Amino acid sequence: MMTDLEVFRATLAHKRPDRLLYKASFTPDLLRRVKEHIGTDDVAGHYGYFSPVGVGLKAPEGLPPLDFSKYWANETLPEGTTINASGVAMVP
């Protein structure tokens, strides 16, 4: 059985791997270079691997954003820390 890397390399070489490439991810710089090389932003479509689609709930219009600051009230957070829309402390 081929390793994930071997499957990926075979896919790039347009050879038949022993299984389907399920997913691949790239660093931002490598993704930019791959897109330039293949001439499209659709990397998953180009190489034929799975590309998940996220379907989420939408908040009703006019609903103010949730305030998660109370959950962090007793914590000492570094200066510049922000709390994102999911309540995660984003430390710079």
PDB file of N, CA and C in Angstrom:
ATOM      1  N   MET A   1       0.848  -1.185   0.000  1.00  0.00           N
ATOM      2  CA  MET A   1       0.000   0.000   0.000  1.00  0.00           C
ATOM      3  C   MET A   1       0.888   1.242   0.000  1.00  0.00           C
ATOM      4  N   MET A   2       0.498   2.217  -0.784  1.00  0.00           N
ATOM      5  CA  MET A   2       1.272   3.450  -0.897  1.00  0.00           C
ATOM      6  C   MET A   2       1.050   4.336   0.329  1.00  0.00           C
ATOM      7  N   THR A   3       2.072   5.097   0.686  1.00  0.00           N
ATOM      8  CA  THR A   3       1.917   6.089   1.744  1.00  0.00           C
ATOM      9  C   THR A   3       1.126   7.275   1.184  1.00  0.00           C
ATOM     10  N   ASP A   4       0.653   8.142   2.072  1.00  0.00           N
ATOM     11  CA  ASP A   4      -0.072   9.339   1.629  1.00  0.00           C
ATOM     12  C   ASP A   4       0.785  10.175   0.684  1.00  0.00           C
ATOM     13  N   LEU A   5       2.062  10.307   1.020  1.00  0.00           N
ATOM     14  CA  LEU A   5       2.964  11.097   0.178  1.00  0.00           C
ATOM     15  C   LEU A   5       3.128  10.453  -1.198  1.00  0.00           C
ATOM     16  N   GLU A   6       3.240   9.142  -1.241  1.00  0.00           N
ATOM     17  CA  GLU A   6       3.365   8.448  -2.527  1.00  0.00           C
ATOM     18  C   GLU A   6       2.094   8.612  -3.367  1.00  0.00           C
ATOM     19  N   VAL A   7       0.936   8.545  -2.713  1.00  0.00           N
ATOM     20  CA  VAL A   7      -0.334   8.758  -3.421  1.00  0.00           C
ATOM     21  C   VAL A   7      -0.374  10.167  -3.990  1.00  0.00           C
ATOM     22  N   PHE A   8       0.048  11.142  -3.188  1.00  0.00           N
ATOM     23  CA  PHE A   8       0.069  12.536  -3.632  1.00  0.00           C
ATOM     24  C   PHE A   8       1.007  12.709  -4.826  1.00  0.00           C
ATOM     25  N   ARG A   9       2.202  12.157  -4.727  1.00  0.00           N
ATOM     26  CA  ARG A   9       3.182  12.291  -5.814  1.00  0.00           C
ATOM     27  C   ARG A   9       2.698  11.601  -7.093  1.00  0.00           C
ATOM     28  N   ALA A  10       2.069  10.444  -6.951  1.00  0.00           N
ATOM     29  CA  ALA A  10       1.530   9.751  -8.121  1.00  0.00           C
ATOM     30  C   ALA A  10       0.428  10.590  -8.771  1.00  0.00           C
ATOM     31  N   THR A  11      -0.411  11.204  -7.944  1.00  0.00           N
ATOM     32  CA  THR A  11      -1.482  12.057  -8.466  1.00  0.00           C
ATOM     33  C   THR A  11      -0.893  13.226  -9.239  1.00  0.00           C
ATOM     34  N   LEU A  12       0.128  13.866  -8.689  1.00  0.00           N
ATOM     35  CA  LEU A  12       0.769  14.983  -9.371  1.00  0.00           C
ATOM     36  C   LEU A  12       1.405  14.553 -10.689  1.00  0.00           C
ATOM     37  N   ALA A  13       1.880  13.322 -10.742  1.00  0.00           N
ATOM     38  CA  ALA A  13       2.526  12.805 -11.951  1.00  0.00           C
ATOM     39  C   ALA A  13       1.508  12.206 -12.929  1.00  0.00           C
ATOM     40  N   HIS A  14       0.225  12.337 -12.608  1.00  0.00           N
ATOM     41  CA  HIS A  14      -0.860  11.791 -13.445  1.00  0.00           C
ATOM     42  C   HIS A  14      -0.725  10.288 -13.629  1.00  0.00           C
ATOM     43  N   LYS A  15      -0.272   9.615 -12.561  1.00  0.00           N
ATOM     44  CA  LYS A  15      -0.191   8.157 -12.535  1.00  0.00           C
ATOM     45  C   LYS A  15      -1.313   7.637 -11.643  1.00  0.00           C
ATOM     46  N   ARG A  16      -1.640   6.372 -11.793  1.00  0.00           N
ATOM     47  CA  ARG A  16      -2.734   5.793 -11.022  1.00  0.00           C
ATOM     48  C   ARG A  16      -2.212   5.296  -9.673  1.00  0.00           C
ATOM     49  N   PRO A  17      -2.595   5.954  -8.568  1.00  0.00           N
ATOM     50  CA  PRO A  17      -2.199   5.465  -7.247  1.00  0.00           C
ATOM     51  C   PRO A  17      -3.052   4.255  -6.863  1.00  0.00           C
ATOM     52  N   ASP A  18      -2.681   3.589  -5.770  1.00  0.00           N
ATOM     53  CA  ASP A  18      -3.448   2.411  -5.360  1.00  0.00           C
ATOM     54  C   ASP A  18      -4.732   2.762  -4.611  1.00  0.00           C
ATOM     55  N   ARG A  19      -4.933   4.032  -4.338  1.00  0.00           N
ATOM     56  CA  ARG A  19      -6.171   4.494  -3.702  1.00  0.00           C
ATOM     57  C   ARG A  19      -6.364   5.952  -4.072  1.00  0.00           C
ATOM     58  N   LEU A  20      -7.540   6.469  -3.786  1.00  0.00           N
ATOM     59  CA  LEU A  20      -7.843   7.860  -4.112  1.00  0.00           C
ATOM     60  C   LEU A  20      -7.197   8.804  -3.118  1.00  0.00           C
ATOM     61  N   LEU A  21      -6.765   9.927  -3.625  1.00  0.00           N
ATOM     62  CA  LEU A  21      -6.262  10.986  -2.764  1.00  0.00           C
ATOM     63  C   LEU A  21      -7.478  11.670  -2.149  1.00  0.00           C
ATOM     64  N   TYR A  22      -7.632  11.562  -0.843  1.00  0.00           N
ATOM     65  CA  TYR A  22      -8.810  12.095  -0.169  1.00  0.00           C
ATOM     66  C   TYR A  22      -8.736  13.603   0.005  1.00  0.00           C
ATOM     67  N   LYS A  23      -7.599  14.084   0.474  1.00  0.00           N
ATOM     68  CA  LYS A  23      -7.453  15.504   0.799  1.00  0.00           C
ATOM     69  C   LYS A  23      -5.984  15.854   0.801  1.00  0.00           C
ATOM     70  N   ALA A  24      -5.676  17.060   0.408  1.00  0.00           N
ATOM     71  CA  ALA A  24      -4.314  17.571   0.502  1.00  0.00           C
ATOM     72  C   ALA A  24      -4.394  19.003   0.998  1.00  0.00           C
ATOM     73  N   SER A  25      -3.411  19.414   1.747  1.00  0.00           N
ATOM     74  CA  SER A  25      -3.369  20.804   2.198  1.00  0.00           C
ATOM     75  C   SER A  25      -1.965  21.338   1.947  1.00  0.00           C
ATOM     76  N   PHE A  26      -1.868  22.643   1.864  1.00  0.00           N
ATOM     77  CA  PHE A  26      -0.628  23.287   1.481  1.00  0.00           C
ATOM     78  C   PHE A  26      -0.356  24.485   2.372  1.00  0.00           C
ATOM     79  N   THR A  27       0.909  24.834   2.516  1.00  0.00           N
ATOM     80  CA  THR A  27       1.240  26.101   3.157  1.00  0.00           C
ATOM     81  C   THR A  27       0.761  27.206   2.212  1.00  0.00           C
ATOM     82  N   PRO A  28       0.520  28.408   2.720  1.00  0.00           N
ATOM     83  CA  PRO A  28       0.036  29.473   1.834  1.00  0.00           C
ATOM     84  C   PRO A  28       0.929  29.711   0.622  1.00  0.00           C
ATOM     85  N   ASP A  29       2.260  29.691   0.822  1.00  0.00           N
ATOM     86  CA  ASP A  29       3.165  29.933  -0.301  1.00  0.00           C
ATOM     87  C   ASP A  29       3.102  28.803  -1.318  1.00  0.00           C
ATOM     88  N   LEU A  30       3.079  27.549  -0.849  1.00  0.00           N
ATOM     89  CA  LEU A  30       3.004  26.426  -1.780  1.00  0.00           C
ATOM     90  C   LEU A  30       1.667  26.431  -2.520  1.00  0.00           C
ATOM     91  N   LEU A  31       0.575  26.756  -1.837  1.00  0.00           N
ATOM     92  CA  LEU A  31      -0.726  26.827  -2.495  1.00  0.00           C
ATOM     93  C   LEU A  31      -0.703  27.869  -3.610  1.00  0.00           C
ATOM     94  N   ARG A  32      -0.105  29.020  -3.342  1.00  0.00           N
ATOM     95  CA  ARG A  32       0.015  30.068  -4.365  1.00  0.00           C
ATOM     96  C   ARG A  32       0.787  29.541  -5.574  1.00  0.00           C
ATOM     97  N   ARG A  33       1.911  28.859  -5.317  1.00  0.00           N
ATOM     98  CA  ARG A  33       2.736  28.356  -6.417  1.00  0.00           C
ATOM     99  C   ARG A  33       2.039  27.237  -7.196  1.00  0.00           C
ATOM    100  N   VAL A  34       1.308  26.366  -6.490  1.00  0.00           N
ATOM    101  CA  VAL A  34       0.569  25.303  -7.179  1.00  0.00           C
ATOM    102  C   VAL A  34      -0.501  25.922  -8.078  1.00  0.00           C
ATOM    103  N   LYS A  35      -1.233  26.899  -7.563  1.00  0.00           N
ATOM    104  CA  LYS A  35      -2.266  27.568  -8.374  1.00  0.00           C
ATOM    105  C   LYS A  35      -1.659  28.223  -9.604  1.00  0.00           C
ATOM    106  N   GLU A  36      -0.520  28.864  -9.446  1.00  0.00           N
ATOM    107  CA  GLU A  36       0.158  29.474 -10.592  1.00  0.00           C
ATOM    108  C   GLU A  36       0.570  28.404 -11.599  1.00  0.00           C
ATOM    109  N   HIS A  37       1.070  27.284 -11.100  1.00  0.00           N
ATOM    110  CA  HIS A  37       1.564  26.209 -11.968  1.00  0.00           C
ATOM    111  C   HIS A  37       0.427  25.563 -12.780  1.00  0.00           C
ATOM    112  N   ILE A  38      -0.718  25.315 -12.119  1.00  0.00           N
ATOM    113  CA  ILE A  38      -1.808  24.632 -12.826  1.00  0.00           C
ATOM    114  C   ILE A  38      -2.745  25.604 -13.532  1.00  0.00           C
ATOM    115  N   GLY A  39      -2.627  26.901 -13.212  1.00  0.00           N
ATOM    116  CA  GLY A  39      -3.420  27.909 -13.908  1.00  0.00           C
ATOM    117  C   GLY A  39      -4.857  28.032 -13.463  1.00  0.00           C
ATOM    118  N   THR A  40      -5.158  27.565 -12.260  1.00  0.00           N
ATOM    119  CA  THR A  40      -6.516  27.684 -11.729  1.00  0.00           C
ATOM    120  C   THR A  40      -6.475  27.725 -10.211  1.00  0.00           C
ATOM    121  N   ASP A  41      -7.519  28.290  -9.608  1.00  0.00           N
ATOM    122  CA  ASP A  41      -7.640  28.285  -8.153  1.00  0.00           C
ATOM    123  C   ASP A  41      -8.253  26.981  -7.648  1.00  0.00           C
ATOM    124  N   ASP A  42      -8.807  26.179  -8.547  1.00  0.00           N
ATOM    125  CA  ASP A  42      -9.486  24.933  -8.173  1.00  0.00           C
ATOM    126  C   ASP A  42      -8.493  23.776  -8.118  1.00  0.00           C
ATOM    127  N   VAL A  43      -7.678  23.772  -7.079  1.00  0.00           N
ATOM    128  CA  VAL A  43      -6.645  22.741  -6.941  1.00  0.00           C
ATOM    129  C   VAL A  43      -7.299  21.368  -6.753  1.00  0.00           C
ATOM    130  N   ALA A  44      -8.308  21.290  -5.898  1.00  0.00           N
ATOM    131  CA  ALA A  44      -8.976  20.005  -5.651  1.00  0.00           C
ATOM    132  C   ALA A  44      -9.602  19.470  -6.933  1.00  0.00           C
ATOM    133  N   GLY A  45     -10.259  20.319  -7.693  1.00  0.00           N
ATOM    134  CA  GLY A  45     -10.864  19.891  -8.941  1.00  0.00           C
ATOM    135  C   GLY A  45      -9.828  19.465  -9.963  1.00  0.00           C
ATOM    136  N   HIS A  46      -8.721  20.185 -10.009  1.00  0.00           N
ATOM    137  CA  HIS A  46      -7.664  19.864 -10.973  1.00  0.00           C
ATOM    138  C   HIS A  46      -7.071  18.479 -10.719  1.00  0.00           C
ATOM    139  N   TYR A  47      -6.810  18.191  -9.432  1.00  0.00           N
ATOM    140  CA  TYR A  47      -6.199  16.909  -9.096  1.00  0.00           C
ATOM    141  C   TYR A  47      -7.228  15.838  -8.731  1.00  0.00           C
ATOM    142  N   GLY A  48      -8.502  16.214  -8.663  1.00  0.00           N
ATOM    143  CA  GLY A  48      -9.562  15.243  -8.427  1.00  0.00           C
ATOM    144  C   GLY A  48      -9.658  14.713  -7.020  1.00  0.00           C
ATOM    145  N   TYR A  49      -9.350  15.534  -6.035  1.00  0.00           N
ATOM    146  CA  TYR A  49      -9.523  15.061  -4.668  1.00  0.00           C
ATOM    147  C   TYR A  49     -10.673  15.782  -3.985  1.00  0.00           C
ATOM    148  N   PHE A  50     -11.069  15.249  -2.849  1.00  0.00           N
ATOM    149  CA  PHE A  50     -12.210  15.727  -2.085  1.00  0.00           C
ATOM    150  C   PHE A  50     -12.019  17.175  -1.663  1.00  0.00           C
ATOM    151  N   SER A  51     -13.048  17.972  -1.834  1.00  0.00           N
ATOM    152  CA  SER A  51     -13.034  19.355  -1.386  1.00  0.00           C
ATOM    153  C   SER A  51     -14.285  19.585  -0.551  1.00  0.00           C
ATOM    154  N   PRO A  52     -14.139  19.625   0.788  1.00  0.00           N
ATOM    155  CA  PRO A  52     -15.321  19.755   1.629  1.00  0.00           C
ATOM    156  C   PRO A  52     -16.035  21.081   1.422  1.00  0.00           C
ATOM    157  N   VAL A  53     -17.329  21.050   1.608  1.00  0.00           N
ATOM    158  CA  VAL A  53     -18.149  22.250   1.513  1.00  0.00           C
ATOM    159  C   VAL A  53     -18.776  22.464   2.878  1.00  0.00           C
ATOM    160  N   GLY A  54     -18.570  23.626   3.429  1.00  0.00           N
ATOM    161  CA  GLY A  54     -19.146  23.929   4.727  1.00  0.00           C
ATOM    162  C   GLY A  54     -20.506  24.601   4.585  1.00  0.00           C
ATOM    163  N   VAL A  55     -21.458  24.081   5.301  1.00  0.00           N
ATOM    164  CA  VAL A  55     -22.786  24.678   5.318  1.00  0.00           C
ATOM    165  C   VAL A  55     -23.086  24.991   6.771  1.00  0.00           C
ATOM    166  N   GLY A  56     -23.239  26.258   7.054  1.00  0.00           N
ATOM    167  CA  GLY A  56     -23.472  26.641   8.435  1.00  0.00           C
ATOM    168  C   GLY A  56     -24.755  27.437   8.594  1.00  0.00           C
ATOM    169  N   LEU A  57     -25.089  27.646   9.814  1.00  0.00           N
ATOM    170  CA  LEU A  57     -26.274  28.444  10.128  1.00  0.00           C
ATOM    171  C   LEU A  57     -25.942  29.916  10.007  1.00  0.00           C
ATOM    172  N   LYS A  58     -26.919  30.699   9.613  1.00  0.00           N
ATOM    173  CA  LYS A  58     -26.746  32.146   9.544  1.00  0.00           C
ATOM    174  C   LYS A  58     -27.593  32.787  10.637  1.00  0.00           C
ATOM    175  N   ALA A  59     -27.003  33.769  11.294  1.00  0.00           N
ATOM    176  CA  ALA A  59     -27.739  34.497  12.324  1.00  0.00           C
ATOM    177  C   ALA A  59     -28.787  35.388  11.656  1.00  0.00           C
ATOM    178  N   PRO A  60     -29.906  35.600  12.328  1.00  0.00           N
ATOM    179  CA  PRO A  60     -30.916  36.499  11.766  1.00  0.00           C
ATOM    180  C   PRO A  60     -30.350  37.906  11.564  1.00  0.00           C
ATOM    181  N   GLU A  61     -30.830  38.583  10.539  1.00  0.00           N
ATOM    182  CA  GLU A  61     -30.370  39.953  10.276  1.00  0.00           C
ATOM    183  C   GLU A  61     -30.674  40.846  11.468  1.00  0.00           C
ATOM    184  N   GLY A  62     -29.719  41.731  11.762  1.00  0.00           N
ATOM    185  CA  GLY A  62     -29.912  42.697  12.838  1.00  0.00           C
ATOM    186  C   GLY A  62     -29.550  42.164  14.214  1.00  0.00           C
ATOM    187  N   LEU A  63     -29.237  40.878  14.332  1.00  0.00           N
ATOM    188  CA  LEU A  63     -28.872  40.315  15.629  1.00  0.00           C
ATOM    189  C   LEU A  63     -27.465  40.776  15.987  1.00  0.00           C
ATOM    190  N   PRO A  64     -27.291  41.411  17.148  1.00  0.00           N
ATOM    191  CA  PRO A  64     -25.942  41.875  17.508  1.00  0.00           C
ATOM    192  C   PRO A  64     -25.018  40.676  17.733  1.00  0.00           C
ATOM    193  N   PRO A  65     -23.710  40.869  17.499  1.00  0.00           N
ATOM    194  CA  PRO A  65     -22.778  39.764  17.714  1.00  0.00           C
ATOM    195  C   PRO A  65     -22.775  39.345  19.184  1.00  0.00           C
ATOM    196  N   LEU A  66     -22.520  38.072  19.424  1.00  0.00           N
ATOM    197  CA  LEU A  66     -22.467  37.564  20.793  1.00  0.00           C
ATOM    198  C   LEU A  66     -21.245  38.126  21.508  1.00  0.00           C
ATOM    199  N   ASP A  67     -21.394  38.374  22.792  1.00  0.00           N
ATOM    200  CA  ASP A  67     -20.299  38.912  23.597  1.00  0.00           C
ATOM    201  C   ASP A  67     -19.769  37.807  24.507  1.00  0.00           C
ATOM    202  N   PHE A  68     -18.592  37.286  24.175  1.00  0.00           N
ATOM    203  CA  PHE A  68     -17.993  36.206  24.948  1.00  0.00           C
ATOM    204  C   PHE A  68     -17.022  36.717  26.006  1.00  0.00           C
ATOM    205  N   SER A  69     -16.896  38.026  26.148  1.00  0.00           N
ATOM    206  CA  SER A  69     -15.900  38.586  27.065  1.00  0.00           C
ATOM    207  C   SER A  69     -16.115  38.125  28.511  1.00  0.00           C
ATOM    208  N   LYS A  70     -17.357  37.878  28.915  1.00  0.00           N
ATOM    209  CA  LYS A  70     -17.602  37.457  30.301  1.00  0.00           C
ATOM    210  C   LYS A  70     -16.946  36.112  30.611  1.00  0.00           C
ATOM    211  N   TYR A  71     -16.770  35.260  29.585  1.00  0.00           N
ATOM    212  CA  TYR A  71     -16.138  33.971  29.807  1.00  0.00           C
ATOM    213  C   TYR A  71     -14.632  34.102  30.030  1.00  0.00           C
ATOM    214  N   TRP A  72     -14.080  35.223  29.641  1.00  0.00           N
ATOM    215  CA  TRP A  72     -12.651  35.460  29.783  1.00  0.00           C
ATOM    216  C   TRP A  72     -12.354  36.480  30.898  1.00  0.00           C
ATOM    217  N   ALA A  73     -13.370  36.898  31.641  1.00  0.00           N
ATOM    218  CA  ALA A  73     -13.231  37.969  32.641  1.00  0.00           C
ATOM    219  C   ALA A  73     -12.184  37.657  33.709  1.00  0.00           C
ATOM    220  N   ASN A  74     -12.046  36.414  34.130  1.00  0.00           N
ATOM    221  CA  ASN A  74     -11.107  36.060  35.202  1.00  0.00           C
ATOM    222  C   ASN A  74      -9.755  35.588  34.680  1.00  0.00           C
ATOM    223  N   GLU A  75      -9.502  35.761  33.391  1.00  0.00           N
ATOM    224  CA  GLU A  75      -8.246  35.333  32.784  1.00  0.00           C
ATOM    225  C   GLU A  75      -7.360  36.542  32.501  1.00  0.00           C
ATOM    226  N   THR A  76      -6.069  36.355  32.615  1.00  0.00           N
ATOM    227  CA  THR A  76      -5.123  37.396  32.255  1.00  0.00           C
ATOM    228  C   THR A  76      -4.659  37.110  30.831  1.00  0.00           C
ATOM    229  N   LEU A  77      -5.090  37.949  29.906  1.00  0.00           N
ATOM    230  CA  LEU A  77      -4.747  37.762  28.501  1.00  0.00           C
ATOM    231  C   LEU A  77      -3.735  38.817  28.071  1.00  0.00           C
ATOM    232  N   PRO A  78      -2.815  38.473  27.187  1.00  0.00           N
ATOM    233  CA  PRO A  78      -1.822  39.439  26.722  1.00  0.00           C
ATOM    234  C   PRO A  78      -2.485  40.638  26.038  1.00  0.00           C
ATOM    235  N   GLU A  79      -1.809  41.763  26.084  1.00  0.00           N
ATOM    236  CA  GLU A  79      -2.308  42.977  25.436  1.00  0.00           C
ATOM    237  C   GLU A  79      -2.505  42.711  23.945  1.00  0.00           C
ATOM    238  N   GLY A  80      -3.596  43.225  23.411  1.00  0.00           N
ATOM    239  CA  GLY A  80      -3.888  43.056  21.996  1.00  0.00           C
ATOM    240  C   GLY A  80      -4.725  41.821  21.684  1.00  0.00           C
ATOM    241  N   THR A  81      -5.030  41.015  22.717  1.00  0.00           N
ATOM    242  CA  THR A  81      -5.851  39.828  22.505  1.00  0.00           C
ATOM    243  C   THR A  81      -7.276  40.243  22.158  1.00  0.00           C
ATOM    244  N   THR A  82      -7.839  39.565  21.168  1.00  0.00           N
ATOM    245  CA  THR A  82      -9.245  39.812  20.801  1.00  0.00           C
ATOM    246  C   THR A  82     -10.000  38.502  20.953  1.00  0.00           C
ATOM    247  N   ILE A  83     -11.298  38.616  21.138  1.00  0.00           N
ATOM    248  CA  ILE A  83     -12.170  37.443  21.234  1.00  0.00           C
ATOM    249  C   ILE A  83     -12.949  37.358  19.929  1.00  0.00           C
ATOM    250  N   ASN A  84     -12.806  36.252  19.195  1.00  0.00           N
ATOM    251  CA  ASN A  84     -13.480  36.163  17.895  1.00  0.00           C
ATOM    252  C   ASN A  84     -14.962  35.819  18.052  1.00  0.00           C
ATOM    253  N   ALA A  85     -15.657  35.686  16.945  1.00  0.00           N
ATOM    254  CA  ALA A  85     -17.106  35.462  16.944  1.00  0.00           C
ATOM    255  C   ALA A  85     -17.493  34.107  17.530  1.00  0.00           C
ATOM    256  N   SER A  86     -16.526  33.205  17.681  1.00  0.00           N
ATOM    257  CA  SER A  86     -16.793  31.898  18.265  1.00  0.00           C
ATOM    258  C   SER A  86     -16.392  31.839  19.737  1.00  0.00           C
ATOM    259  N   GLY A  87     -15.900  32.961  20.279  1.00  0.00           N
ATOM    260  CA  GLY A  87     -15.501  33.028  21.670  1.00  0.00           C
ATOM    261  C   GLY A  87     -14.076  32.597  21.932  1.00  0.00           C
ATOM    262  N   VAL A  88     -13.277  32.450  20.883  1.00  0.00           N
ATOM    263  CA  VAL A  88     -11.885  32.027  21.024  1.00  0.00           C
ATOM    264  C   VAL A  88     -10.995  33.263  21.194  1.00  0.00           C
ATOM    265  N   ALA A  89     -10.132  33.214  22.219  1.00  0.00           N
ATOM    266  CA  ALA A  89      -9.193  34.314  22.454  1.00  0.00           C
ATOM    267  C   ALA A  89      -8.081  34.236  21.406  1.00  0.00           C
ATOM    268  N   MET A  90      -7.960  35.281  20.618  1.00  0.00           N
ATOM    269  CA  MET A  90      -6.945  35.329  19.565  1.00  0.00           C
ATOM    270  C   MET A  90      -5.778  36.165  20.085  1.00  0.00           C
ATOM    271  N   VAL A  91      -4.713  35.483  20.468  1.00  0.00           N
ATOM    272  CA  VAL A  91      -3.543  36.130  21.057  1.00  0.00           C
ATOM    273  C   VAL A  91      -2.598  36.539  19.916  1.00  0.00           C
ATOM    274  N   PRO A  92      -2.195  37.814  19.864  1.00  0.00           N
ATOM    275  CA  PRO A  92      -1.307  38.254  18.780  1.00  0.00           C
ATOM    276  C   PRO A  92       0.068  37.599  18.868  1.00  0.00           C
TER     277      PRO A  92
END
